Amino acid sequence: MSRVRIAPSLLACDLGRVADEVRSVAAAGADLLHFDVMDGHFVPNLTFGPGLCAAVRRLTELPLDVHLMVTNADDLVEPFAVAGAGRIAVHVEAVTHLHRTLGRIHALGAVPGVAINPATPVAALDEVWPLVGFLLVMSVDPGFGGQRLIPEVLDKLARLRAIRDRRAPGVELAVDGGVESDNAGELQRLGADILVAGTAVFGAADRSAAIARLRGEEAG
């Protein structure tokens, strides 16, 4: 089993000190930085735009992982790609022409991803596996940080891993929502290549130790 990658979610950071927060988790061993982009329509919250992404791009060399929880993803993929996002995920539930959108993300030089909500059947992905660089498996209903992981998603993750291994072995599986040190090992065992964690990292006094715990490693 390869080493799981950790993507701290900026939704949980102190936005009044965003530069310090970004440098802190980068120094602590984060592999990516995750942006939860919410529009107040697809989900009941409003968060970041491309401007913050561009500002963070100037602060770090870490890959920027953008999760578009929006109804107008097609209008936002290019601004975020231009702002420095290296990975952009759109929701299968929100995009009308998913093939086209994934192709556009790829053409803009970013890795195309698809996010799937807890109640959405895995069959919704049947026709797009060859176009996907990573799959973002939502383990909470999106819209707010700090939620508890929905247990039924564990079986879904295992099923997605089996399909991925058979149909598109190069697709990364990321899990987002309620990720904590007490479930991170199980998520990795079931197929997670990337763990998106907000409060589990930014809420910790020792971020290096928090990231190590998520990986199942002893903190140095």
C-alpha atoms as a PDB file:
ATOM      1  CA  MET A   1       0.000   0.000   0.000  1.00  0.00           C
ATOM      2  CA  SER A   2       1.566   3.295  -1.101  1.00  0.00           C
ATOM      3  CA  ARG A   3       1.895   6.235   1.255  1.00  0.00           C
ATOM      4  CA  VAL A   4      -1.341   8.176   1.464  1.00  0.00           C
ATOM      5  CA  ARG A   5      -1.156  11.853   0.528  1.00  0.00           C
ATOM      6  CA  ILE A   6      -2.632  14.518   2.794  1.00  0.00           C
ATOM      7  CA  ALA A   7      -4.489  17.578   1.477  1.00  0.00           C
ATOM      8  CA  PRO A   8      -5.306  20.078   4.246  1.00  0.00           C
ATOM      9  CA  SER A   9      -8.490  22.017   3.460  1.00  0.00           C
ATOM     10  CA  LEU A  10      -8.139  25.787   3.685  1.00  0.00           C
ATOM     11  CA  LEU A  11     -11.791  25.943   4.717  1.00  0.00           C
ATOM     12  CA  ALA A  12     -10.586  25.157   8.251  1.00  0.00           C
ATOM     13  CA  CYS A  13      -7.645  27.564   8.385  1.00  0.00           C
ATOM     14  CA  ASP A  14      -7.504  31.022   9.966  1.00  0.00           C
ATOM     15  CA  LEU A  15      -8.146  33.154   6.886  1.00  0.00           C
ATOM     16  CA  GLY A  16      -6.901  36.224   8.724  1.00  0.00           C
ATOM     17  CA  ARG A  17      -3.474  34.558   8.713  1.00  0.00           C
ATOM     18  CA  VAL A  18      -3.705  32.598   5.473  1.00  0.00           C
ATOM     19  CA  ALA A  19      -0.055  33.090   4.483  1.00  0.00           C
ATOM     20  CA  ASP A  20       1.155  31.778   7.853  1.00  0.00           C
ATOM     21  CA  GLU A  21      -1.344  28.910   7.716  1.00  0.00           C
ATOM     22  CA  VAL A  22      -0.230  27.824   4.246  1.00  0.00           C
ATOM     23  CA  ARG A  23       3.438  27.916   5.221  1.00  0.00           C
ATOM     24  CA  SER A  24       2.673  26.031   8.429  1.00  0.00           C
ATOM     25  CA  VAL A  25       1.052  23.020   6.775  1.00  0.00           C
ATOM     26  CA  ALA A  26       3.600  23.004   3.959  1.00  0.00           C
ATOM     27  CA  ALA A  27       6.392  22.785   6.525  1.00  0.00           C
ATOM     28  CA  ALA A  28       4.411  20.119   8.412  1.00  0.00           C
ATOM     29  CA  GLY A  29       4.482  17.782   5.408  1.00  0.00           C
ATOM     30  CA  ALA A  30       1.253  18.411   3.497  1.00  0.00           C
ATOM     31  CA  ASP A  31       1.235  17.027  -0.041  1.00  0.00           C
ATOM     32  CA  LEU A  32      -1.459  19.294  -1.547  1.00  0.00           C
ATOM     33  CA  LEU A  33      -3.637  22.232  -0.519  1.00  0.00           C
ATOM     34  CA  HIS A  34      -7.382  21.807  -0.908  1.00  0.00           C
ATOM     35  CA  PHE A  35      -9.783  24.623  -1.845  1.00  0.00           C
ATOM     36  CA  ASP A  36     -13.477  24.133  -1.049  1.00  0.00           C
ATOM     37  CA  VAL A  37     -15.181  26.493  -3.489  1.00  0.00           C
ATOM     38  CA  MET A  38     -18.859  26.976  -2.575  1.00  0.00           C
ATOM     39  CA  ASP A  39     -21.428  29.200  -4.291  1.00  0.00           C
ATOM     40  CA  GLY A  40     -24.374  29.333  -1.883  1.00  0.00           C
ATOM     41  CA  HIS A  41     -26.531  27.544  -4.497  1.00  0.00           C
ATOM     42  CA  PHE A  42     -25.248  24.020  -5.053  1.00  0.00           C
ATOM     43  CA  VAL A  43     -24.318  23.984  -1.355  1.00  0.00           C
ATOM     44  CA  PRO A  44     -25.587  26.242   1.472  1.00  0.00           C
ATOM     45  CA  ASN A  45     -22.378  28.178   2.004  1.00  0.00           C
ATOM     46  CA  LEU A  46     -20.174  30.733   0.235  1.00  0.00           C
ATOM     47  CA  THR A  47     -16.391  30.584   0.291  1.00  0.00           C
ATOM     48  CA  PHE A  48     -13.452  31.264  -2.025  1.00  0.00           C
ATOM     49  CA  GLY A  49     -12.852  32.600  -5.508  1.00  0.00           C
ATOM     50  CA  PRO A  50      -9.894  32.438  -7.892  1.00  0.00           C
ATOM     51  CA  GLY A  51      -8.265  35.429  -6.197  1.00  0.00           C
ATOM     52  CA  LEU A  52      -7.402  33.451  -3.085  1.00  0.00           C
ATOM     53  CA  CYS A  53      -6.127  30.609  -5.240  1.00  0.00           C
ATOM     54  CA  ALA A  54      -3.806  33.010  -7.079  1.00  0.00           C
ATOM     55  CA  ALA A  55      -2.577  34.471  -3.779  1.00  0.00           C
ATOM     56  CA  VAL A  56      -1.832  31.026  -2.335  1.00  0.00           C
ATOM     57  CA  ARG A  57      -0.088  30.018  -5.568  1.00  0.00           C
ATOM     58  CA  ARG A  58       2.462  32.762  -4.849  1.00  0.00           C
ATOM     59  CA  LEU A  59       3.064  31.384  -1.355  1.00  0.00           C
ATOM     60  CA  THR A  60       3.848  27.723  -2.005  1.00  0.00           C
ATOM     61  CA  GLU A  61       4.973  25.143  -4.531  1.00  0.00           C
ATOM     62  CA  LEU A  62       2.442  22.589  -3.256  1.00  0.00           C
ATOM     63  CA  PRO A  63      -0.151  21.464  -5.826  1.00  0.00           C
ATOM     64  CA  LEU A  64      -3.436  23.343  -5.458  1.00  0.00           C
ATOM     65  CA  ASP A  65      -6.455  21.040  -5.420  1.00  0.00           C
ATOM     66  CA  VAL A  66      -9.712  22.870  -6.214  1.00  0.00           C
ATOM     67  CA  HIS A  67     -13.129  21.359  -5.443  1.00  0.00           C
ATOM     68  CA  LEU A  68     -15.902  23.252  -7.251  1.00  0.00           C
ATOM     69  CA  MET A  69     -19.136  22.867  -5.271  1.00  0.00           C
ATOM     70  CA  VAL A  70     -20.952  25.185  -7.660  1.00  0.00           C
ATOM     71  CA  THR A  71     -23.727  25.151 -10.226  1.00  0.00           C
ATOM     72  CA  ASN A  72     -21.694  27.066 -12.825  1.00  0.00           C
ATOM     73  CA  ALA A  73     -18.506  25.016 -12.918  1.00  0.00           C
ATOM     74  CA  ASP A  74     -17.988  25.644 -16.619  1.00  0.00           C
ATOM     75  CA  ASP A  75     -17.630  29.361 -15.903  1.00  0.00           C
ATOM     76  CA  LEU A  76     -15.037  28.812 -13.185  1.00  0.00           C
ATOM     77  CA  VAL A  77     -12.659  26.121 -14.437  1.00  0.00           C
ATOM     78  CA  GLU A  78     -10.629  28.534 -16.561  1.00  0.00           C
ATOM     79  CA  PRO A  79     -10.292  31.284 -13.901  1.00  0.00           C
ATOM     80  CA  PHE A  80      -9.079  28.716 -11.379  1.00  0.00           C
ATOM     81  CA  ALA A  81      -6.699  27.104 -13.865  1.00  0.00           C
ATOM     82  CA  VAL A  82      -5.258  30.527 -14.689  1.00  0.00           C
ATOM     83  CA  ALA A  83      -4.976  31.241 -10.943  1.00  0.00           C
ATOM     84  CA  GLY A  84      -2.726  28.214 -10.526  1.00  0.00           C
ATOM     85  CA  ALA A  85      -4.964  25.260  -9.711  1.00  0.00           C
ATOM     86  CA  GLY A  86      -3.259  22.068 -10.800  1.00  0.00           C
ATOM     87  CA  ARG A  87      -6.245  19.842 -10.025  1.00  0.00           C
ATOM     88  CA  ILE A  88      -9.913  20.767 -10.483  1.00  0.00           C
ATOM     89  CA  ALA A  89     -12.867  18.597  -9.455  1.00  0.00           C
ATOM     90  CA  VAL A  90     -16.457  19.221 -10.569  1.00  0.00           C
ATOM     91  CA  HIS A  91     -19.571  17.514  -9.232  1.00  0.00           C
ATOM     92  CA  VAL A  92     -21.222  14.790 -11.287  1.00  0.00           C
ATOM     93  CA  GLU A  93     -24.520  16.022  -9.811  1.00  0.00           C
ATOM     94  CA  ALA A  94     -24.060  19.618 -10.992  1.00  0.00           C
ATOM     95  CA  VAL A  95     -22.462  19.494 -14.446  1.00  0.00           C
ATOM     96  CA  THR A  96     -24.744  19.014 -17.447  1.00  0.00           C
ATOM     97  CA  HIS A  97     -22.115  18.003 -20.025  1.00  0.00           C
ATOM     98  CA  LEU A  98     -19.504  16.219 -17.931  1.00  0.00           C
ATOM     99  CA  HIS A  99     -17.408  14.910 -20.832  1.00  0.00           C
ATOM    100  CA  ARG A 100     -17.023  18.435 -22.189  1.00  0.00           C
ATOM    101  CA  THR A 101     -16.151  19.920 -18.818  1.00  0.00           C
ATOM    102  CA  LEU A 102     -13.515  17.293 -18.035  1.00  0.00           C
ATOM    103  CA  GLY A 103     -12.008  17.751 -21.480  1.00  0.00           C
ATOM    104  CA  ARG A 104     -11.797  21.495 -20.938  1.00  0.00           C
ATOM    105  CA  ILE A 105     -10.050  21.078 -17.587  1.00  0.00           C
ATOM    106  CA  HIS A 106      -7.508  18.817 -19.272  1.00  0.00           C
ATOM    107  CA  ALA A 107      -7.026  21.289 -22.139  1.00  0.00           C
ATOM    108  CA  LEU A 108      -6.315  24.039 -19.603  1.00  0.00           C
ATOM    109  CA  GLY A 109      -3.435  21.994 -18.208  1.00  0.00           C
ATOM    110  CA  ALA A 110      -5.056  20.848 -14.966  1.00  0.00           C
ATOM    111  CA  VAL A 111      -5.852  17.331 -13.802  1.00  0.00           C
ATOM    112  CA  PRO A 112      -9.604  16.731 -14.214  1.00  0.00           C
ATOM    113  CA  GLY A 113     -11.499  15.337 -11.257  1.00  0.00           C
ATOM    114  CA  VAL A 114     -15.062  14.291 -10.498  1.00  0.00           C
ATOM    115  CA  ALA A 115     -16.649  14.689  -7.072  1.00  0.00           C
ATOM    116  CA  ILE A 116     -19.491  12.391  -6.068  1.00  0.00           C
ATOM    117  CA  ASN A 117     -21.873  12.958  -3.151  1.00  0.00           C
ATOM    118  CA  PRO A 118     -22.643  10.269  -0.554  1.00  0.00           C
ATOM    119  CA  ALA A 119     -26.123   9.457  -1.928  1.00  0.00           C
ATOM    120  CA  THR A 120     -25.121   9.442  -5.606  1.00  0.00           C
ATOM    121  CA  PRO A 121     -24.830   5.917  -7.082  1.00  0.00           C
ATOM    122  CA  VAL A 122     -21.418   4.860  -8.340  1.00  0.00           C
ATOM    123  CA  ALA A 123     -23.060   4.123 -11.708  1.00  0.00           C
ATOM    124  CA  ALA A 124     -23.136   7.889 -12.327  1.00  0.00           C
ATOM    125  CA  LEU A 125     -19.442   7.559 -13.185  1.00  0.00           C
ATOM    126  CA  ASP A 126     -19.780   4.691 -15.654  1.00  0.00           C
ATOM    127  CA  GLU A 127     -19.280   6.746 -18.805  1.00  0.00           C
ATOM    128  CA  VAL A 128     -16.440   9.016 -17.662  1.00  0.00           C
ATOM    129  CA  TRP A 129     -13.760   6.796 -16.107  1.00  0.00           C
ATOM    130  CA  PRO A 130     -11.382   7.192 -19.086  1.00  0.00           C
ATOM    131  CA  LEU A 131     -11.503  10.998 -18.735  1.00  0.00           C
ATOM    132  CA  VAL A 132     -10.916  11.225 -14.982  1.00  0.00           C
ATOM    133  CA  GLY A 133      -7.588  11.919 -13.319  1.00  0.00           C
ATOM    134  CA  PHE A 134      -8.924  11.693  -9.782  1.00  0.00           C
ATOM    135  CA  LEU A 135     -12.203  10.930  -8.061  1.00  0.00           C
ATOM    136  CA  LEU A 136     -13.221  12.926  -4.994  1.00  0.00           C
ATOM    137  CA  VAL A 137     -15.437  10.721  -2.838  1.00  0.00           C
ATOM    138  CA  MET A 138     -17.531  12.869  -0.538  1.00  0.00           C
ATOM    139  CA  SER A 139     -17.905  11.246   2.863  1.00  0.00           C
ATOM    140  CA  VAL A 140     -20.214  14.011   4.135  1.00  0.00           C
ATOM    141  CA  ASP A 141     -22.930  16.011   2.421  1.00  0.00           C
ATOM    142  CA  PRO A 142     -20.938  18.982   1.109  1.00  0.00           C
ATOM    143  CA  GLY A 143     -21.357  22.530   2.309  1.00  0.00           C
ATOM    144  CA  PHE A 144     -19.797  22.784   5.770  1.00  0.00           C
ATOM    145  CA  GLY A 145     -16.570  21.779   7.468  1.00  0.00           C
ATOM    146  CA  GLY A 146     -16.350  19.838  10.699  1.00  0.00           C
ATOM    147  CA  GLN A 147     -18.969  17.191   9.875  1.00  0.00           C
ATOM    148  CA  ARG A 148     -18.731  13.533  10.875  1.00  0.00           C
ATOM    149  CA  LEU A 149     -18.014  10.934   8.222  1.00  0.00           C
ATOM    150  CA  ILE A 150     -21.085   9.054   6.936  1.00  0.00           C
ATOM    151  CA  PRO A 151     -20.312   5.361   7.650  1.00  0.00           C
ATOM    152  CA  GLU A 152     -22.082   4.044   4.546  1.00  0.00           C
ATOM    153  CA  VAL A 153     -19.436   5.746   2.410  1.00  0.00           C
ATOM    154  CA  LEU A 154     -16.898   3.126   3.512  1.00  0.00           C
ATOM    155  CA  ASP A 155     -18.606   0.433   1.461  1.00  0.00           C
ATOM    156  CA  LYS A 156     -18.957   2.842  -1.435  1.00  0.00           C
ATOM    157  CA  LEU A 157     -15.228   3.588  -1.342  1.00  0.00           C
ATOM    158  CA  ALA A 158     -14.427  -0.118  -1.472  1.00  0.00           C
ATOM    159  CA  ARG A 159     -16.724  -0.580  -4.477  1.00  0.00           C
ATOM    160  CA  LEU A 160     -15.204   2.402  -6.255  1.00  0.00           C
ATOM    161  CA  ARG A 161     -11.728   1.038  -5.662  1.00  0.00           C
ATOM    162  CA  ALA A 162     -12.703  -2.292  -7.246  1.00  0.00           C
ATOM    163  CA  ILE A 163     -14.161  -0.521 -10.284  1.00  0.00           C
ATOM    164  CA  ARG A 164     -11.143   1.786 -10.517  1.00  0.00           C
ATOM    165  CA  ASP A 165      -8.702  -1.118 -10.376  1.00  0.00           C
ATOM    166  CA  ARG A 166     -10.582  -2.864 -13.171  1.00  0.00           C
ATOM    167  CA  ARG A 167     -11.399   0.054 -15.478  1.00  0.00           C
ATOM    168  CA  ALA A 168      -8.954   2.908 -14.835  1.00  0.00           C
ATOM    169  CA  PRO A 169      -6.022   1.989 -12.561  1.00  0.00           C
ATOM    170  CA  GLY A 170      -4.427   5.416 -12.931  1.00  0.00           C
ATOM    171  CA  VAL A 171      -7.321   7.271 -11.305  1.00  0.00           C
ATOM    172  CA  GLU A 172      -6.560   8.522  -7.801  1.00  0.00           C
ATOM    173  CA  LEU A 173      -9.221   8.138  -5.102  1.00  0.00           C
ATOM    174  CA  ALA A 174      -9.515  11.042  -2.673  1.00  0.00           C
ATOM    175  CA  VAL A 175     -11.838  11.121   0.347  1.00  0.00           C
ATOM    176  CA  ASP A 176     -13.230  14.410   1.640  1.00  0.00           C
ATOM    177  CA  GLY A 177     -15.297  14.913   4.791  1.00  0.00           C
ATOM    178  CA  GLY A 178     -14.964  13.902   8.409  1.00  0.00           C
ATOM    179  CA  VAL A 179     -11.438  12.571   7.938  1.00  0.00           C
ATOM    180  CA  GLU A 180      -9.748  12.066  11.305  1.00  0.00           C
ATOM    181  CA  SER A 181      -6.832  10.055  12.630  1.00  0.00           C
ATOM    182  CA  ASP A 182      -9.229   7.399  13.969  1.00  0.00           C
ATOM    183  CA  ASN A 183     -10.674   6.611  10.515  1.00  0.00           C
ATOM    184  CA  ALA A 184      -7.741   7.496   8.253  1.00  0.00           C
ATOM    185  CA  GLY A 185      -6.247   4.004   8.405  1.00  0.00           C
ATOM    186  CA  GLU A 186      -9.506   2.362   7.385  1.00  0.00           C
ATOM    187  CA  LEU A 187      -9.989   4.840   4.549  1.00  0.00           C
ATOM    188  CA  GLN A 188      -6.529   4.098   3.246  1.00  0.00           C
ATOM    189  CA  ARG A 189      -7.090   0.336   3.554  1.00  0.00           C
ATOM    190  CA  LEU A 190     -10.308   0.655   1.539  1.00  0.00           C
ATOM    191  CA  GLY A 191      -8.610   2.505  -1.290  1.00  0.00           C
ATOM    192  CA  ALA A 192      -8.003   6.169  -0.482  1.00  0.00           C
ATOM    193  CA  ASP A 193      -4.885   7.573  -2.133  1.00  0.00           C
ATOM    194  CA  ILE A 194      -5.522  11.107  -0.826  1.00  0.00           C
ATOM    195  CA  LEU A 195      -7.167  12.266   2.393  1.00  0.00           C
ATOM    196  CA  VAL A 196      -8.651  15.759   2.508  1.00  0.00           C
ATOM    197  CA  ALA A 197      -8.583  16.949   6.111  1.00  0.00           C
ATOM    198  CA  GLY A 198      -9.623  20.310   7.532  1.00  0.00           C
ATOM    199  CA  THR A 199      -9.965  20.568  11.289  1.00  0.00           C
ATOM    200  CA  ALA A 200      -7.879  17.416  11.795  1.00  0.00           C
ATOM    201  CA  VAL A 201      -4.878  19.413  10.539  1.00  0.00           C
ATOM    202  CA  PHE A 202      -5.628  23.106  11.027  1.00  0.00           C
ATOM    203  CA  GLY A 203      -7.243  22.475  14.405  1.00  0.00           C
ATOM    204  CA  ALA A 204      -4.115  20.758  15.738  1.00  0.00           C
ATOM    205  CA  ALA A 205      -1.480  22.556  17.771  1.00  0.00           C
ATOM    206  CA  ASP A 206       1.192  20.349  16.176  1.00  0.00           C
ATOM    207  CA  ARG A 207       0.404  20.085  12.474  1.00  0.00           C
ATOM    208  CA  SER A 208       3.375  17.807  11.728  1.00  0.00           C
ATOM    209  CA  ALA A 209       2.113  15.307  14.293  1.00  0.00           C
ATOM    210  CA  ALA A 210      -1.449  15.611  12.976  1.00  0.00           C
ATOM    211  CA  ILE A 211      -0.364  14.827   9.413  1.00  0.00           C
ATOM    212  CA  ALA A 212       1.779  11.945  10.619  1.00  0.00           C
ATOM    213  CA  ARG A 213      -1.184  10.499  12.532  1.00  0.00           C
ATOM    214  CA  LEU A 214      -3.374  10.688   9.416  1.00  0.00           C
ATOM    215  CA  ARG A 215      -0.722   8.713   7.538  1.00  0.00           C
ATOM    216  CA  GLY A 216      -0.491   6.190  10.362  1.00  0.00           C
ATOM    217  CA  GLU A 217       3.082   7.206  11.058  1.00  0.00           C
ATOM    218  CA  GLU A 218       4.770   8.077  14.293  1.00  0.00           C
ATOM    219  CA  ALA A 219       5.468  11.792  14.556  1.00  0.00           C
ATOM    220  CA  GLY A 220       9.163  12.566  14.499  1.00  0.00           C
END
